[in-house]
Amino acid sequence: MHEFQPKLQEIILNNERREQARKGLKGLEDTVAKELQTLHNLRKLFVQDLQARIKKTVINEDSEEDGGSLTQKQKISFLKNNMDQLTKVHKQLVRDNADLRCELPKL
């Protein structure tokens, strides 16, 4: 029986090592599963963000095709108002000039 004692202890030691290795692998598997889930969630958020950016870009391009961005529309409106005012002033000056030419021979 004494001769089997070292062999038995070696077998017990090997079984304990296997059990520790099994526990270590289980913990590693759990960690990997959590990391994979985190990566999956990050990937979903990334795809959602890209889709939102693409949608925003498409909307901006559509509005620019309709006459430009808000800033451009404001500039166009400002320039149109200036043009209208200048046209009115020019017409008034032409009338005043014509009136003055008519009065010149009278004077």
N, C-alpha and C. Protein backbone atom coordinates (compact mmCIF):
# COMPACT_ATOMS: atom_id res chain seq x y z
N MET A 1 0.82 -1.18 0.00
CA MET A 1 0.00 0.00 0.00
C MET A 1 0.86 1.25 0.00
N HIS A 2 1.99 1.12 0.60
CA HIS A 2 2.91 2.25 0.67
C HIS A 2 3.41 2.66 -0.71
N GLU A 3 3.52 1.70 -1.56
CA GLU A 3 4.02 1.96 -2.91
C GLU A 3 3.02 2.76 -3.74
N PHE A 4 1.74 2.65 -3.41
CA PHE A 4 0.71 3.38 -4.16
C PHE A 4 0.50 4.80 -3.64
N GLN A 5 1.02 5.08 -2.47
CA GLN A 5 0.81 6.39 -1.85
C GLN A 5 1.35 7.54 -2.72
N PRO A 6 2.58 7.50 -3.21
CA PRO A 6 3.06 8.61 -4.06
C PRO A 6 2.26 8.73 -5.35
N LYS A 7 1.88 7.62 -5.89
CA LYS A 7 1.09 7.62 -7.13
C LYS A 7 -0.27 8.25 -6.86
N LEU A 8 -0.88 7.89 -5.74
CA LEU A 8 -2.18 8.43 -5.36
C LEU A 8 -2.09 9.94 -5.13
N GLN A 9 -1.05 10.39 -4.46
CA GLN A 9 -0.89 11.82 -4.24
C GLN A 9 -0.69 12.56 -5.57
N GLU A 10 0.04 11.95 -6.49
CA GLU A 10 0.24 12.57 -7.81
C GLU A 10 -1.09 12.69 -8.56
N ILE A 11 -1.90 11.65 -8.48
CA ILE A 11 -3.21 11.68 -9.13
C ILE A 11 -4.10 12.75 -8.50
N ILE A 12 -4.10 12.82 -7.17
CA ILE A 12 -4.89 13.83 -6.46
C ILE A 12 -4.42 15.23 -6.83
N LEU A 13 -3.11 15.42 -6.90
CA LEU A 13 -2.53 16.71 -7.27
C LEU A 13 -2.92 17.09 -8.70
N ASN A 14 -2.86 16.12 -9.59
CA ASN A 14 -3.26 16.36 -10.99
C ASN A 14 -4.74 16.73 -11.09
N ASN A 15 -5.58 16.05 -10.31
CA ASN A 15 -7.01 16.35 -10.31
C ASN A 15 -7.27 17.77 -9.78
N GLU A 16 -6.52 18.15 -8.72
CA GLU A 16 -6.68 19.51 -8.18
C GLU A 16 -6.25 20.55 -9.22
N ARG A 17 -5.16 20.27 -9.91
CA ARG A 17 -4.70 21.19 -10.97
C ARG A 17 -5.73 21.31 -12.09
N ARG A 18 -6.30 20.17 -12.48
CA ARG A 18 -7.33 20.20 -13.53
C ARG A 18 -8.54 21.03 -13.09
N GLU A 19 -8.92 20.84 -11.82
CA GLU A 19 -10.07 21.59 -11.29
C GLU A 19 -9.77 23.09 -11.26
N GLN A 20 -8.57 23.44 -10.85
CA GLN A 20 -8.18 24.85 -10.85
C GLN A 20 -8.15 25.40 -12.28
N ALA A 21 -7.61 24.60 -13.20
CA ALA A 21 -7.57 25.02 -14.60
C ALA A 21 -8.98 25.19 -15.15
N ARG A 22 -9.88 24.28 -14.79
CA ARG A 22 -11.28 24.35 -15.23
C ARG A 22 -11.93 25.63 -14.70
N LYS A 23 -11.69 25.95 -13.41
CA LYS A 23 -12.23 27.16 -12.82
C LYS A 23 -11.66 28.40 -13.49
N GLY A 24 -10.36 28.35 -13.77
CA GLY A 24 -9.71 29.47 -14.46
C GLY A 24 -10.28 29.68 -15.85
N LEU A 25 -10.50 28.58 -16.56
CA LEU A 25 -11.09 28.67 -17.90
C LEU A 25 -12.53 29.19 -17.84
N LYS A 26 -13.27 28.77 -16.83
CA LYS A 26 -14.65 29.25 -16.67
C LYS A 26 -14.65 30.76 -16.45
N GLY A 27 -13.76 31.24 -15.58
CA GLY A 27 -13.65 32.68 -15.34
C GLY A 27 -13.24 33.43 -16.60
N LEU A 28 -12.32 32.84 -17.35
CA LEU A 28 -11.87 33.45 -18.60
C LEU A 28 -13.01 33.49 -19.63
N GLU A 29 -13.76 32.40 -19.70
CA GLU A 29 -14.90 32.35 -20.62
C GLU A 29 -15.92 33.43 -20.26
N ASP A 30 -16.19 33.59 -18.96
CA ASP A 30 -17.13 34.63 -18.52
C ASP A 30 -16.64 36.02 -18.91
N THR A 31 -15.34 36.27 -18.68
CA THR A 31 -14.76 37.57 -19.02
C THR A 31 -14.85 37.82 -20.52
N VAL A 32 -14.52 36.81 -21.32
CA VAL A 32 -14.58 36.96 -22.78
C VAL A 32 -16.02 37.21 -23.23
N ALA A 33 -16.97 36.52 -22.62
CA ALA A 33 -18.38 36.72 -22.98
C ALA A 33 -18.81 38.15 -22.66
N LYS A 34 -18.39 38.68 -21.50
CA LYS A 34 -18.73 40.06 -21.14
C LYS A 34 -18.10 41.05 -22.12
N GLU A 35 -16.83 40.82 -22.46
CA GLU A 35 -16.14 41.70 -23.40
C GLU A 35 -16.81 41.66 -24.78
N LEU A 36 -17.20 40.48 -25.21
CA LEU A 36 -17.90 40.36 -26.50
C LEU A 36 -19.22 41.10 -26.48
N GLN A 37 -19.95 41.01 -25.38
CA GLN A 37 -21.21 41.73 -25.26
C GLN A 37 -20.97 43.22 -25.30
N THR A 38 -19.93 43.69 -24.61
CA THR A 38 -19.59 45.11 -24.62
C THR A 38 -19.25 45.56 -26.04
N LEU A 39 -18.44 44.77 -26.74
CA LEU A 39 -18.09 45.10 -28.13
C LEU A 39 -19.33 45.12 -29.02
N HIS A 40 -20.21 44.18 -28.80
CA HIS A 40 -21.45 44.13 -29.59
C HIS A 40 -22.28 45.39 -29.35
N ASN A 41 -22.40 45.80 -28.08
CA ASN A 41 -23.16 47.01 -27.76
C ASN A 41 -22.51 48.26 -28.37
N LEU A 42 -21.17 48.32 -28.27
CA LEU A 42 -20.46 49.46 -28.87
C LEU A 42 -20.65 49.49 -30.38
N ARG A 43 -20.63 48.32 -31.01
CA ARG A 43 -20.84 48.25 -32.46
C ARG A 43 -22.24 48.76 -32.82
N LYS A 44 -23.24 48.37 -32.03
CA LYS A 44 -24.61 48.83 -32.29
C LYS A 44 -24.69 50.35 -32.17
N LEU A 45 -24.07 50.90 -31.11
CA LEU A 45 -24.07 52.36 -30.93
C LEU A 45 -23.35 53.05 -32.08
N PHE A 46 -22.24 52.48 -32.52
CA PHE A 46 -21.47 53.05 -33.62
C PHE A 46 -22.30 53.08 -34.90
N VAL A 47 -22.97 51.98 -35.20
CA VAL A 47 -23.81 51.91 -36.40
C VAL A 47 -24.96 52.92 -36.30
N GLN A 48 -25.58 53.04 -35.13
CA GLN A 48 -26.66 54.01 -34.95
C GLN A 48 -26.15 55.43 -35.16
N ASP A 49 -24.97 55.72 -34.62
CA ASP A 49 -24.37 57.05 -34.78
C ASP A 49 -24.09 57.34 -36.25
N LEU A 50 -23.54 56.35 -36.94
CA LEU A 50 -23.27 56.54 -38.38
C LEU A 50 -24.56 56.78 -39.15
N GLN A 51 -25.59 56.02 -38.84
CA GLN A 51 -26.86 56.20 -39.53
C GLN A 51 -27.44 57.58 -39.27
N ALA A 52 -27.32 58.06 -38.03
CA ALA A 52 -27.83 59.40 -37.71
C ALA A 52 -27.03 60.46 -38.46
N ARG A 53 -25.72 60.28 -38.53
CA ARG A 53 -24.89 61.26 -39.25
C ARG A 53 -25.21 61.27 -40.74
N ILE A 54 -25.41 60.08 -41.30
CA ILE A 54 -25.75 59.99 -42.73
C ILE A 54 -27.08 60.66 -42.98
N LYS A 55 -28.05 60.39 -42.11
CA LYS A 55 -29.38 61.00 -42.26
C LYS A 55 -29.28 62.52 -42.17
N LYS A 56 -28.49 63.01 -41.22
CA LYS A 56 -28.31 64.46 -41.05
C LYS A 56 -27.64 65.05 -42.29
N THR A 57 -26.65 64.36 -42.82
CA THR A 57 -25.95 64.84 -44.01
C THR A 57 -26.90 64.89 -45.21
N VAL A 58 -27.72 63.86 -45.36
CA VAL A 58 -28.68 63.82 -46.48
C VAL A 58 -29.68 64.96 -46.35
N ILE A 59 -30.15 65.21 -45.14
CA ILE A 59 -31.10 66.31 -44.91
C ILE A 59 -30.45 67.65 -45.24
N ASN A 60 -29.20 67.84 -44.81
CA ASN A 60 -28.48 69.08 -45.11
C ASN A 60 -28.27 69.26 -46.61
N GLU A 61 -27.95 68.16 -47.30
CA GLU A 61 -27.75 68.25 -48.75
C GLU A 61 -29.06 68.60 -49.44
N ASP A 62 -30.16 68.02 -48.96
CA ASP A 62 -31.47 68.33 -49.55
C ASP A 62 -31.81 69.80 -49.37
N SER A 63 -31.55 70.32 -48.17
CA SER A 63 -31.89 71.73 -47.91
C SER A 63 -30.98 72.65 -48.73
N GLU A 64 -29.73 72.25 -48.95
CA GLU A 64 -28.84 73.07 -49.76
C GLU A 64 -29.30 73.07 -51.21
N GLU A 65 -29.83 71.94 -51.67
CA GLU A 65 -30.35 71.89 -53.03
C GLU A 65 -31.59 72.77 -53.17
N ASP A 66 -32.30 72.97 -52.09
CA ASP A 66 -33.52 73.79 -52.11
C ASP A 66 -33.20 75.27 -51.99
N GLY A 67 -31.96 75.67 -52.02
CA GLY A 67 -31.64 77.08 -51.94
C GLY A 67 -30.52 77.37 -50.97
N GLY A 68 -29.89 76.38 -50.45
CA GLY A 68 -28.74 76.59 -49.60
C GLY A 68 -29.04 76.45 -48.13
N SER A 69 -28.01 76.65 -47.38
CA SER A 69 -28.14 76.55 -45.93
C SER A 69 -28.86 77.78 -45.39
N LEU A 70 -29.16 77.77 -44.12
CA LEU A 70 -29.86 78.88 -43.49
C LEU A 70 -29.06 80.17 -43.63
N THR A 71 -27.76 80.09 -43.44
CA THR A 71 -26.91 81.27 -43.57
C THR A 71 -26.97 81.82 -44.98
N GLN A 72 -26.91 80.94 -45.96
CA GLN A 72 -26.99 81.38 -47.36
C GLN A 72 -28.34 82.01 -47.66
N LYS A 73 -29.40 81.43 -47.13
CA LYS A 73 -30.73 81.99 -47.35
C LYS A 73 -30.84 83.38 -46.74
N GLN A 74 -30.25 83.56 -45.56
CA GLN A 74 -30.28 84.89 -44.92
C GLN A 74 -29.51 85.90 -45.75
N LYS A 75 -28.37 85.51 -46.28
CA LYS A 75 -27.57 86.42 -47.11
C LYS A 75 -28.33 86.80 -48.38
N ILE A 76 -28.98 85.82 -48.98
CA ILE A 76 -29.76 86.07 -50.20
C ILE A 76 -30.89 87.04 -49.90
N SER A 77 -31.58 86.81 -48.79
CA SER A 77 -32.68 87.70 -48.40
C SER A 77 -32.17 89.12 -48.17
N PHE A 78 -31.05 89.25 -47.47
CA PHE A 78 -30.45 90.56 -47.22
C PHE A 78 -30.11 91.26 -48.53
N LEU A 79 -29.49 90.53 -49.44
CA LEU A 79 -29.10 91.12 -50.74
C LEU A 79 -30.33 91.51 -51.56
N LYS A 80 -31.37 90.71 -51.52
CA LYS A 80 -32.60 91.05 -52.26
C LYS A 80 -33.21 92.34 -51.71
N ASN A 81 -33.25 92.47 -50.38
CA ASN A 81 -33.79 93.69 -49.77
C ASN A 81 -32.96 94.90 -50.17
N ASN A 82 -31.64 94.77 -50.14
CA ASN A 82 -30.78 95.87 -50.57
C ASN A 82 -31.03 96.24 -52.03
N MET A 83 -31.18 95.23 -52.86
CA MET A 83 -31.43 95.48 -54.29
C MET A 83 -32.75 96.21 -54.48
N ASP A 84 -33.78 95.81 -53.75
CA ASP A 84 -35.08 96.49 -53.85
C ASP A 84 -34.96 97.95 -53.43
N GLN A 85 -34.25 98.20 -52.33
CA GLN A 85 -34.08 99.58 -51.86
C GLN A 85 -33.30 100.41 -52.88
N LEU A 86 -32.24 99.85 -53.41
CA LEU A 86 -31.44 100.57 -54.41
C LEU A 86 -32.25 100.85 -55.67
N THR A 87 -33.08 99.92 -56.07
CA THR A 87 -33.93 100.12 -57.26
C THR A 87 -34.91 101.25 -57.01
N LYS A 88 -35.52 101.29 -55.85
CA LYS A 88 -36.47 102.36 -55.52
C LYS A 88 -35.77 103.72 -55.52
N VAL A 89 -34.61 103.77 -54.88
CA VAL A 89 -33.87 105.04 -54.82
C VAL A 89 -33.46 105.47 -56.23
N HIS A 90 -33.02 104.54 -57.04
CA HIS A 90 -32.61 104.87 -58.42
C HIS A 90 -33.79 105.42 -59.21
N LYS A 91 -34.94 104.78 -59.11
CA LYS A 91 -36.13 105.26 -59.83
C LYS A 91 -36.50 106.67 -59.38
N GLN A 92 -36.44 106.90 -58.07
CA GLN A 92 -36.77 108.22 -57.54
C GLN A 92 -35.78 109.27 -58.06
N LEU A 93 -34.50 108.93 -58.10
CA LEU A 93 -33.50 109.86 -58.61
C LEU A 93 -33.71 110.15 -60.10
N VAL A 94 -34.08 109.14 -60.86
CA VAL A 94 -34.36 109.34 -62.30
C VAL A 94 -35.54 110.28 -62.45
N ARG A 95 -36.60 110.11 -61.65
CA ARG A 95 -37.77 111.00 -61.72
C ARG A 95 -37.40 112.43 -61.33
N ASP A 96 -36.64 112.53 -60.20
CA ASP A 96 -36.22 113.87 -59.76
C ASP A 96 -35.37 114.55 -60.83
N ASN A 97 -34.50 113.80 -61.45
CA ASN A 97 -33.65 114.35 -62.50
C ASN A 97 -34.49 114.82 -63.68
N ALA A 98 -35.48 114.02 -64.06
CA ALA A 98 -36.35 114.40 -65.18
C ALA A 98 -37.15 115.65 -64.82
N ASP A 99 -37.65 115.72 -63.59
CA ASP A 99 -38.39 116.91 -63.14
C ASP A 99 -37.49 118.15 -63.18
N LEU A 100 -36.28 118.03 -62.73
CA LEU A 100 -35.36 119.15 -62.73
C LEU A 100 -35.02 119.60 -64.15
N ARG A 101 -34.89 118.67 -65.05
CA ARG A 101 -34.64 119.04 -66.45
C ARG A 101 -35.80 119.80 -67.05
N CYS A 102 -37.01 119.41 -66.63
CA CYS A 102 -38.18 120.13 -67.13
C CYS A 102 -38.25 121.54 -66.57
N GLU A 103 -37.83 121.71 -65.33
CA GLU A 103 -37.89 123.02 -64.69
C GLU A 103 -36.75 123.94 -65.13
N LEU A 104 -35.64 123.36 -65.59
CA LEU A 104 -34.49 124.16 -65.98
C LEU A 104 -34.81 125.21 -67.05
N PRO A 105 -35.52 124.88 -68.14
CA PRO A 105 -35.83 125.93 -69.13
C PRO A 105 -36.74 127.01 -68.57
N LYS A 106 -37.57 126.66 -67.62
CA LYS A 106 -38.48 127.65 -67.04
C LYS A 106 -37.70 128.70 -66.25
N LEU A 107 -36.60 128.23 -65.62
CA LEU A 107 -35.83 129.15 -64.82
C LEU A 107 -35.02 130.03 -65.72
